[in-house]
Amino acid sequence: MNINIYYGGRGIIDDPTLFVVNKMQEILEELRVNVTRYNLYECKNTIPTLPQTLKDADGVILATTVEWYGIGGYMQQFLDACWLFGDKEKIATIYMCPVVMSTTYGEREAKLNLSTAWEILGGLPCSGICGYIENTVTLEMNEQYIKIIEKKAENMYRSINQHIACFPASNQAVKQKIAVPKSTNLTPQETEQLSRYVSDDGYVQRQKQDIQELTSLFRNMLIEEEMDNEEEYFTPLKKAFRPKAGFRAGYAIGIDEKKKKLVVAVDGAKLECGYESAGKADVEMQLSKSAMEDIVNGRMTFQRAFMSGVMKAKGDFGLLRMLDQLFIFEEQ
């Protein structure tokens, strides 16, 4: 039988959880159980890889200390790693005994949180230990407390050895229905490799640099594309232009998908086109890009677009009607 102990406290000398864990480890080893201890504060840089240590475990002890509020950051990181990288099929066969000692208020809530988290992961909970210990010496000198610890260790051994069944928990049903994690379609081996990458700070930094480089590359591509579009519609307008002697007018065409307006200035046989943020024009128009495409491809006239409501316009409507005489687009 293999039992892993994951200690999430800070490892200080007067931590009452350490005394409980040491006593439980002593009893389990007397029962010929292979016990492996993982002090999370010593493994803080490799916590994402720790779920892989559950492969050969028949049971686990999750031990932490409530020093001010909750189960502590190291234990939370370990449970997060189990959710992200752990083998759920393996976890479903592992019994877990929560151990929470408190030097302040909240040991019962913390113990419940550990049990709930393990059940959501799909594991099997055992009866745990929780208590408020103001002075560790009091715990060490009290024979009744020590007997309780020994009894809990023996009960855990018995539960694993006899494969004692557990009633289904409602939080498992909820997990299956609405709390299903996003599928990554990774094999257990790939998940294990991913957890190693996550724990490798050098690899993570390289990935961040690569992402920044790709972001910069695509940003430059978008800028170049926008520059290429700064002359969009110039060619079809110039090709369709039919000058009128002595005619002068300025048109500002706002296209929904563009930030700047397409400004068309006609002065006799002279035609100028450009994109400007603001400017004074005799006629201002607003239409969608698809409507503009229909016009320059000869499928619709400016007058028809205005009459049908596809294009909005304000200014001199006499000059607006002249657009279809100035620009004759061939249907494509």
Protein backbone atom coordinates (compact mmCIF):
# COMPACT_ATOMS: atom_id res chain seq x y z
CA MET A 1 0.00 0.00 0.00
CA ASN A 2 1.27 3.48 -0.91
CA ILE A 3 0.14 6.68 0.79
CA ASN A 4 1.38 10.15 -0.14
CA ILE A 5 1.33 13.05 2.29
CA TYR A 6 1.06 16.55 0.84
CA TYR A 7 1.83 19.16 3.48
CA GLY A 8 0.72 22.68 2.57
CA GLY A 9 1.91 24.61 5.62
CA ARG A 10 4.98 26.79 5.96
CA GLY A 11 7.07 24.23 7.83
CA ILE A 12 7.57 26.31 10.97
CA ILE A 13 8.67 24.44 14.10
CA ASP A 14 5.55 25.02 16.20
CA ASP A 15 3.10 24.09 13.43
CA PRO A 16 0.61 21.65 15.05
CA THR A 17 -0.15 20.08 11.66
CA LEU A 18 3.43 18.83 11.45
CA PHE A 19 3.03 16.93 14.72
CA VAL A 20 -0.20 15.29 13.49
CA VAL A 21 1.32 14.36 10.14
CA ASN A 22 4.45 12.92 11.75
CA LYS A 23 2.37 10.82 14.13
CA MET A 24 0.15 9.53 11.31
CA GLN A 25 3.20 8.69 9.21
CA GLU A 26 4.69 6.79 12.14
CA ILE A 27 1.52 4.70 12.62
CA LEU A 28 1.16 3.96 8.91
CA GLU A 29 4.78 2.85 8.60
CA GLU A 30 4.22 0.49 11.55
CA LEU A 31 1.39 -0.99 9.47
CA ARG A 32 3.96 -1.52 6.65
CA VAL A 33 2.63 1.23 4.44
CA ASN A 34 4.99 2.99 2.04
CA VAL A 35 4.64 6.65 2.99
CA THR A 36 6.04 9.48 0.82
CA ARG A 37 6.01 13.04 2.12
CA TYR A 38 5.84 16.10 -0.14
CA ASN A 39 6.38 19.46 1.56
CA LEU A 40 4.77 21.87 -0.86
CA TYR A 41 6.78 24.85 0.41
CA GLU A 42 9.90 23.01 -0.76
CA CYS A 43 8.32 22.11 -4.13
CA LYS A 44 6.72 25.48 -4.89
CA ASN A 45 8.43 25.74 -8.30
CA THR A 46 7.36 22.23 -9.36
CA ILE A 47 3.83 22.04 -7.92
CA PRO A 48 2.28 21.64 -11.43
CA THR A 49 4.17 18.33 -11.80
CA LEU A 50 3.09 16.87 -8.44
CA PRO A 51 -0.20 15.36 -9.70
CA GLN A 52 2.00 12.83 -11.53
CA THR A 53 3.09 11.50 -8.10
CA LEU A 54 -0.46 10.21 -7.60
CA LYS A 55 0.08 7.42 -10.16
CA ASP A 56 1.11 4.76 -7.63
CA ALA A 57 -0.81 6.12 -4.63
CA ASP A 58 -3.64 4.20 -2.97
CA GLY A 59 -4.36 7.05 -0.58
CA VAL A 60 -3.29 10.61 0.17
CA ILE A 61 -3.24 12.86 3.19
CA LEU A 62 -3.81 16.53 2.43
CA ALA A 63 -2.50 18.44 5.42
CA THR A 64 -2.49 22.18 5.94
CA THR A 65 -2.60 24.81 8.67
CA VAL A 66 -5.08 27.66 8.99
CA GLU A 67 -2.97 30.58 10.18
CA TRP A 68 -5.35 33.34 9.25
CA TYR A 69 -7.85 32.26 6.55
CA GLY A 70 -8.35 29.25 4.33
CA ILE A 71 -6.21 26.30 3.30
CA GLY A 72 -3.23 28.37 2.15
CA GLY A 73 -1.73 29.12 -1.24
CA TYR A 74 0.49 26.05 -1.64
CA MET A 75 -2.35 23.59 -1.08
CA GLN A 76 -4.62 25.58 -3.39
CA GLN A 77 -1.95 25.48 -6.12
CA PHE A 78 -1.63 21.72 -5.70
CA LEU A 79 -5.41 21.20 -6.01
CA ASP A 80 -5.47 23.50 -9.06
CA ALA A 81 -2.71 21.40 -10.62
CA CYS A 82 -4.69 18.20 -9.91
CA TRP A 83 -7.69 19.74 -11.70
CA LEU A 84 -5.64 20.90 -14.69
CA PHE A 85 -3.07 18.13 -15.08
CA GLY A 86 -4.16 15.22 -12.88
CA ASP A 87 -5.33 11.86 -14.21
CA LYS A 88 -9.01 11.91 -13.15
CA GLU A 89 -9.43 8.17 -13.70
CA LYS A 90 -6.60 7.48 -11.27
CA ILE A 91 -7.80 10.06 -8.74
CA ALA A 92 -11.21 8.34 -8.73
CA THR A 93 -9.58 5.33 -7.02
CA ILE A 94 -7.61 7.27 -4.38
CA TYR A 95 -8.80 7.76 -0.79
CA MET A 96 -8.04 11.12 0.80
CA CYS A 97 -7.79 12.02 4.49
CA PRO A 98 -7.86 15.78 5.24
CA VAL A 99 -5.80 17.09 8.15
CA VAL A 100 -6.30 20.71 9.20
CA MET A 101 -4.94 22.23 12.39
CA SER A 102 -5.72 25.86 13.14
CA THR A 103 -4.11 28.55 15.24
CA THR A 104 -7.08 30.82 14.49
CA TYR A 105 -10.71 30.39 13.40
CA GLY A 106 -11.69 28.28 10.37
CA GLU A 107 -10.36 24.70 10.68
CA ARG A 108 -13.77 23.06 10.04
CA GLU A 109 -14.39 25.12 6.89
CA ALA A 110 -10.88 24.32 5.63
CA LYS A 111 -11.36 20.60 6.23
CA LEU A 112 -14.68 20.74 4.38
CA ASN A 113 -13.02 22.61 1.51
CA LEU A 114 -10.39 19.89 1.12
CA SER A 115 -13.01 17.12 1.17
CA THR A 116 -15.21 18.97 -1.33
CA ALA A 117 -12.31 19.67 -3.68
CA TRP A 118 -11.26 16.01 -3.65
CA GLU A 119 -14.82 14.86 -4.33
CA ILE A 120 -15.11 17.29 -7.27
CA LEU A 121 -11.88 15.81 -8.61
CA GLY A 122 -13.65 12.45 -8.39
CA GLY A 123 -11.68 11.02 -5.45
CA LEU A 124 -12.85 9.13 -2.36
CA PRO A 125 -12.89 11.03 0.96
CA CYS A 126 -12.02 9.53 4.36
CA SER A 127 -12.86 10.87 7.79
CA GLY A 128 -10.27 13.53 8.58
CA ILE A 129 -8.89 15.49 11.50
CA CYS A 130 -9.38 19.13 12.36
CA GLY A 131 -8.86 21.12 15.51
CA TYR A 132 -7.87 24.41 17.09
CA ILE A 133 -4.47 24.18 18.77
CA GLU A 134 -3.22 27.32 20.48
CA ASN A 135 -0.02 25.70 21.72
CA THR A 136 1.65 22.71 20.07
CA VAL A 137 2.97 21.51 23.42
CA THR A 138 -0.62 20.96 24.56
CA LEU A 139 -1.15 18.63 21.61
CA GLU A 140 2.06 16.72 22.18
CA MET A 141 1.39 16.14 25.91
CA ASN A 142 -2.24 15.07 25.59
CA GLU A 143 -2.56 11.27 25.32
CA GLN A 144 -6.21 11.43 24.26
CA TYR A 145 -5.37 13.67 21.31
CA ILE A 146 -2.60 11.27 20.28
CA LYS A 147 -5.04 8.34 20.41
CA ILE A 148 -7.43 10.22 18.13
CA ILE A 149 -4.62 10.73 15.62
CA GLU A 150 -3.62 7.07 15.79
CA LYS A 151 -7.23 5.99 15.35
CA LYS A 152 -7.66 8.18 12.26
CA ALA A 153 -4.51 6.71 10.70
CA GLU A 154 -5.75 3.18 11.37
CA ASN A 155 -9.19 4.01 9.94
CA MET A 156 -7.58 5.35 6.77
CA TYR A 157 -5.49 2.19 6.45
CA ARG A 158 -8.63 0.07 6.95
CA SER A 159 -10.64 2.05 4.37
CA ILE A 160 -7.97 1.59 1.73
CA ASN A 161 -7.22 -2.03 2.58
CA GLN A 162 -10.88 -3.06 2.54
CA HIS A 163 -11.86 -0.77 -0.36
CA ILE A 164 -14.73 0.63 1.68
CA ALA A 165 -17.37 2.13 -0.59
CA CYS A 166 -18.52 5.75 -0.33
CA PHE A 167 -21.97 7.13 -1.02
CA PRO A 168 -22.18 9.29 -4.16
CA ALA A 169 -21.76 13.01 -3.47
CA SER A 170 -23.98 15.67 -5.01
CA ASN A 171 -20.98 17.79 -5.99
CA GLN A 172 -19.79 14.95 -8.23
CA ALA A 173 -23.17 14.98 -10.00
CA VAL A 174 -22.97 18.76 -10.40
CA LYS A 175 -19.44 18.43 -11.80
CA GLN A 176 -20.59 15.94 -14.42
CA LYS A 177 -23.48 18.18 -15.54
CA ILE A 178 -22.34 21.79 -15.37
CA ALA A 179 -18.77 21.98 -14.08
CA VAL A 180 -17.12 19.90 -16.79
CA PRO A 181 -13.70 21.39 -17.61
CA LYS A 182 -12.91 22.33 -21.18
CA SER A 183 -11.59 19.32 -23.01
CA THR A 184 -7.95 19.59 -24.03
CA ASN A 185 -7.96 16.28 -25.94
CA LEU A 186 -4.61 15.40 -24.37
CA THR A 187 -3.44 11.95 -23.37
CA PRO A 188 -2.19 11.43 -19.78
CA GLN A 189 1.36 11.42 -21.16
CA GLU A 190 0.82 14.73 -22.95
CA THR A 191 -0.78 16.22 -19.84
CA GLU A 192 2.22 15.14 -17.80
CA GLN A 193 4.56 16.77 -20.30
CA LEU A 194 2.45 19.95 -20.24
CA SER A 195 2.66 20.13 -16.45
CA ARG A 196 6.46 19.94 -16.72
CA TYR A 197 6.50 22.79 -19.22
CA VAL A 198 4.28 24.89 -16.93
CA SER A 199 6.67 24.38 -14.01
CA ASP A 200 9.70 25.34 -16.15
CA ASP A 201 10.09 29.10 -15.71
CA GLY A 202 12.62 29.29 -18.54
CA TYR A 203 10.22 27.60 -20.95
CA VAL A 204 7.34 29.85 -19.88
CA GLN A 205 9.47 32.96 -20.42
CA ARG A 206 10.50 31.75 -23.88
CA GLN A 207 6.85 31.16 -24.75
CA LYS A 208 5.96 34.67 -23.61
CA GLN A 209 8.74 36.10 -25.78
CA ASP A 210 7.54 34.07 -28.77
CA ILE A 211 3.99 35.33 -28.24
CA GLN A 212 5.22 38.92 -28.07
CA GLU A 213 7.19 38.45 -31.29
CA LEU A 214 4.18 36.92 -33.06
CA THR A 215 1.96 39.72 -31.77
CA SER A 216 4.40 42.29 -33.13
CA LEU A 217 4.60 40.45 -36.45
CA PHE A 218 0.82 40.33 -36.93
CA ARG A 219 0.49 43.96 -35.82
CA ASN A 220 2.96 44.98 -38.52
CA MET A 221 1.07 42.89 -41.06
CA LEU A 222 -2.17 44.64 -40.14
CA ILE A 223 -0.50 48.04 -40.43
CA GLU A 224 0.84 47.13 -43.88
CA GLU A 225 -2.60 45.89 -44.90
CA GLU A 226 -4.17 49.15 -43.76
CA MET A 227 -1.55 51.08 -45.75
CA ASP A 228 -2.36 48.99 -48.82
CA ASN A 229 -6.06 49.87 -48.41
CA GLU A 230 -5.39 53.61 -48.26
CA GLU A 231 -5.90 53.75 -52.03
CA GLU A 232 -8.92 51.44 -52.18
CA TYR A 233 -11.50 52.52 -54.82
CA PHE A 234 -9.10 55.03 -56.40
CA THR A 235 -8.59 52.93 -59.54
CA PRO A 236 -12.27 52.17 -60.29
CA LEU A 237 -13.21 55.83 -59.66
CA LYS A 238 -10.52 57.13 -62.00
CA LYS A 239 -11.43 54.51 -64.62
CA ALA A 240 -15.14 55.40 -64.50
CA PHE A 241 -14.59 59.17 -64.40
CA ARG A 242 -16.34 61.16 -67.15
CA PRO A 243 -15.30 64.84 -66.75
CA LYS A 244 -17.74 67.72 -67.30
CA ALA A 245 -16.28 71.01 -68.49
CA GLY A 246 -16.50 73.75 -65.85
CA PHE A 247 -17.96 71.44 -63.18
CA ARG A 248 -16.58 71.67 -59.65
CA ALA A 249 -17.67 69.77 -56.55
CA GLY A 250 -16.37 67.99 -53.48
CA TYR A 251 -17.77 64.70 -52.17
CA ALA A 252 -17.03 63.00 -48.84
CA ILE A 253 -18.02 59.32 -48.76
CA GLY A 254 -18.10 57.70 -45.33
CA ILE A 255 -17.76 53.90 -45.49
CA ASP A 256 -18.85 52.09 -42.30
CA GLU A 257 -15.84 49.77 -42.16
CA LYS A 258 -13.30 52.60 -42.59
CA LYS A 259 -12.16 55.18 -40.05
CA LYS A 260 -11.44 57.90 -42.65
CA LYS A 261 -13.75 59.26 -45.31
CA LEU A 262 -13.11 58.85 -49.02
CA VAL A 263 -12.88 62.41 -50.35
CA VAL A 264 -13.45 62.93 -54.08
CA ALA A 265 -12.72 66.38 -55.53
CA VAL A 266 -13.78 67.16 -59.12
CA ASP A 267 -12.54 70.29 -60.93
CA GLY A 268 -13.33 70.10 -64.62
CA ALA A 269 -11.15 67.33 -66.05
CA LYS A 270 -9.18 67.06 -62.83
CA LEU A 271 -10.01 64.32 -60.28
CA GLU A 272 -8.41 63.94 -56.87
CA CYS A 273 -9.08 61.10 -54.42
CA GLY A 274 -7.90 60.59 -50.85
CA TYR A 275 -8.82 59.39 -47.40
CA GLU A 276 -9.17 62.11 -44.77
CA SER A 277 -10.38 62.15 -41.15
CA ALA A 278 -12.36 65.36 -41.63
CA GLY A 279 -12.96 67.87 -44.35
CA LYS A 280 -15.50 70.22 -45.87
CA ALA A 281 -17.46 68.85 -48.83
CA ASP A 282 -20.46 69.93 -50.88
CA VAL A 283 -22.08 66.53 -50.37
CA GLU A 284 -21.50 64.10 -47.50
CA MET A 285 -22.58 60.48 -47.83
CA GLN A 286 -22.56 57.41 -45.60
CA LEU A 287 -22.93 53.78 -46.71
CA SER A 288 -21.65 50.29 -46.02
CA LYS A 289 -18.66 48.69 -47.69
CA SER A 290 -20.89 46.17 -49.46
CA ALA A 291 -23.00 48.99 -50.90
CA MET A 292 -19.87 50.76 -52.12
CA GLU A 293 -18.73 47.54 -53.75
CA ASP A 294 -22.06 47.26 -55.56
CA ILE A 295 -21.69 50.82 -56.88
CA VAL A 296 -18.12 50.52 -58.16
CA ASN A 297 -18.95 47.15 -59.74
CA GLY A 298 -21.87 48.64 -61.67
CA ARG A 299 -24.61 46.77 -59.80
CA MET A 300 -26.08 49.95 -58.29
CA THR A 301 -25.98 53.71 -58.89
CA PHE A 302 -25.44 56.43 -56.29
CA GLN A 303 -28.98 57.75 -56.90
CA ARG A 304 -30.55 54.32 -56.47
CA ALA A 305 -28.55 53.71 -53.28
CA PHE A 306 -29.83 57.01 -51.88
CA MET A 307 -33.46 56.44 -52.92
CA SER A 308 -33.52 52.92 -51.47
CA GLY A 309 -32.09 54.06 -48.12
CA VAL A 310 -28.86 52.11 -48.51
CA MET A 311 -26.93 55.38 -48.56
CA LYS A 312 -27.55 58.48 -46.46
CA ALA A 313 -26.60 61.91 -47.78
CA LYS A 314 -26.69 65.58 -46.91
CA GLY A 315 -25.72 68.71 -48.79
CA ASP A 316 -26.49 69.86 -52.35
CA PHE A 317 -28.70 67.14 -53.85
CA GLY A 318 -28.23 68.59 -57.33
CA LEU A 319 -24.54 67.77 -57.04
CA LEU A 320 -25.46 64.34 -55.65
CA ARG A 321 -27.42 63.54 -58.84
CA MET A 322 -24.38 64.52 -60.91
CA LEU A 323 -22.36 61.63 -59.43
CA ASP A 324 -23.96 59.10 -61.76
CA GLN A 325 -23.01 61.28 -64.74
CA LEU A 326 -19.47 61.86 -63.53
CA PHE A 327 -18.80 58.18 -62.74
CA ILE A 328 -20.15 55.52 -65.06
CA PHE A 329 -19.18 52.09 -63.72
CA GLU A 330 -19.33 49.05 -65.94
CA GLU A 331 -21.10 46.03 -64.42
CA GLN A 332 -18.74 43.25 -63.46
